Amino acid sequence: MNRAPALLSALVLAGVTTANVARAADPLVLQVFTEARSTIVASHRLQNYLEEAECRADLLFNGEQRGDLIFRPGKTDGDLLLSAVNRDGEHPVPVWVTRKTAGVGSLSELQGRDVSLVAGDDPLASALALEALAAHGVSPEPGQIYEAGDFSSALGLLLHNNTHAAVSELGLVRPMLETQGMVITWQGEPVPGAGWYAPAPLPKSTNTRACLNALARMQRLDDRQIFRIFPEWVSGFRPPESNDVEESRS
């Protein structure tokens, strides 16, 4: 007796098509938009980690957007499924840092002085920092801006007296303040938006759940090599709060 028609009818009645069944069995495509110069080591270690977590996934980096799950350092189209969080487990907070001995009490005192920013699309890297300077009447000339590859390098420029201030992130820099003789001269508001987005609904499958759970369990302290593909302030991921989801759609 041929039961295929009956089975197909049951699937259709349940709201599941054969195409969806096939898709549920396929690996998820995880795409990371990154400023990392090389992704070879991180990609290998992330692939192994996901396989151990029973997550079947193909990894992509940069290029044309075509992932099922996409990491972006800022808000983008789609549903935000996992928010990137800092060392404190919270949304990142942009800060301007200066040397304690410089005695800079306000951003307005940075007019005409050299500052260090970070290259890339991360809003914390330069855009929000420059907005803060502008709000205090400071507009650095191109020759006064040193653009580093990451936050640590930006702080290095400050500590070696190449610049008078450096952009950073609160959770990242706070453990270094006392030991390195630095102070926070300006602190912004928490910035939601960075994280893993789904441009379209994901298949409802055990593999999807395994992949999301695996990404949510990742911690920078567990494998710093994997996290080289993410902004330096990212320490892990968590399910977004309801207001994060609303903001990601606005």
Foldseek 3Di string as FASTA:
>chain_A
DDCVVVVQVVCVVVVHHPVLVVQQPAAFEEEEEFLFPDCVQLVVVVCVLLVVLVARYHYHYDDDDDGQKYFDLFFDAFFFFKWFAFPVRHFWKKFKKFALVVPDQALLVCAPWAAEFEDDDNCQRPVVVQVRSVVSVHDDDPVRYHYHHAQVVRVVCRLVVVTGIYMDICRVCVVPCVVSRMDTNDIGDGHIGGHMGGNDDHRPYPNVVSNSVSQQPQACVVPVSNCSRDHPRGGGIDGDDPVSRVVSND
